[in-house]
């Protein structure tokens, strides 16, 4: 069994949750789901993947709250807090973590992503056979909300952000694994987009183009709870019925879905994809 102490977790907890307004305001990761702040699930997931050193990227106004929350729910974890003063994108957030990471591998997790089954086996596989980058993917009934991944012959051949007309229903989930040295060398080269933000998915696409990207499919249900109030309500109902971060033996693993309804069928992934947003 690989030693997961070689992996440093980065939990991304910025963002105002603008897509949830006016129903909700403030930091989206503090919204309660199943009676617990959303951010607790991400911290629990990393811990159940045997990741014991974690950096939480937070906003200035919420830093103290997250510190108090996490010291109560996980007092034995080693957590460093990095403040991102403005919403400058996920690549900017990762670059700010470089000085706090000493392990050879990094697991990055978006704090508004919730997993029925803890992807512990995914982390094990990455450590046992590392690559510059491994993404996790799931199937979605609403892929236009996410980064859609085209997969051919066991390889990711394209990643399109929020395409207007998706050609596949395989989407990038909120857990990614990196070789630390390669990640922090690459992140500084990411350029700002039209909104002035530097996004981590541009790093992933760079690894894809050079043939250095691998992927693993999640088992169980996966939610991006902050997409809309409807997605948040669905995550809340699932939390009350089933809950998150369960351990499941590999022989019982099942496909991943972001909705209980049957996924729509799409055309061939060789069709011309949508425009990157």
Foldseek 3Di string as FASTA:
>chain_A
DDQCQLEEEEEEFDDFLPQAPPVDTGGQQQDDFLNGRLLVQVVVLCVVLVHQHYEYEYAPVCVVVVVVVCCVVPVRGHYHYFHDHDQQEDLVSVLSCLVVDDHQKYKYFYSLKFAAARVSVVSVVCSVPPFQKEWEKAFEQQCLCAFAFADDPQATQDTAGNFPAAQGRIGTGGIMMGRSVSSNVQSVPFAADPVNHGYPVVVVVVCRVVVRYHYHYAFGEMASLSSYVVSVVVSNVCCVVRRGHHHDPPVPGHGYYHDPDDHDHGHHPVPDTGHHD
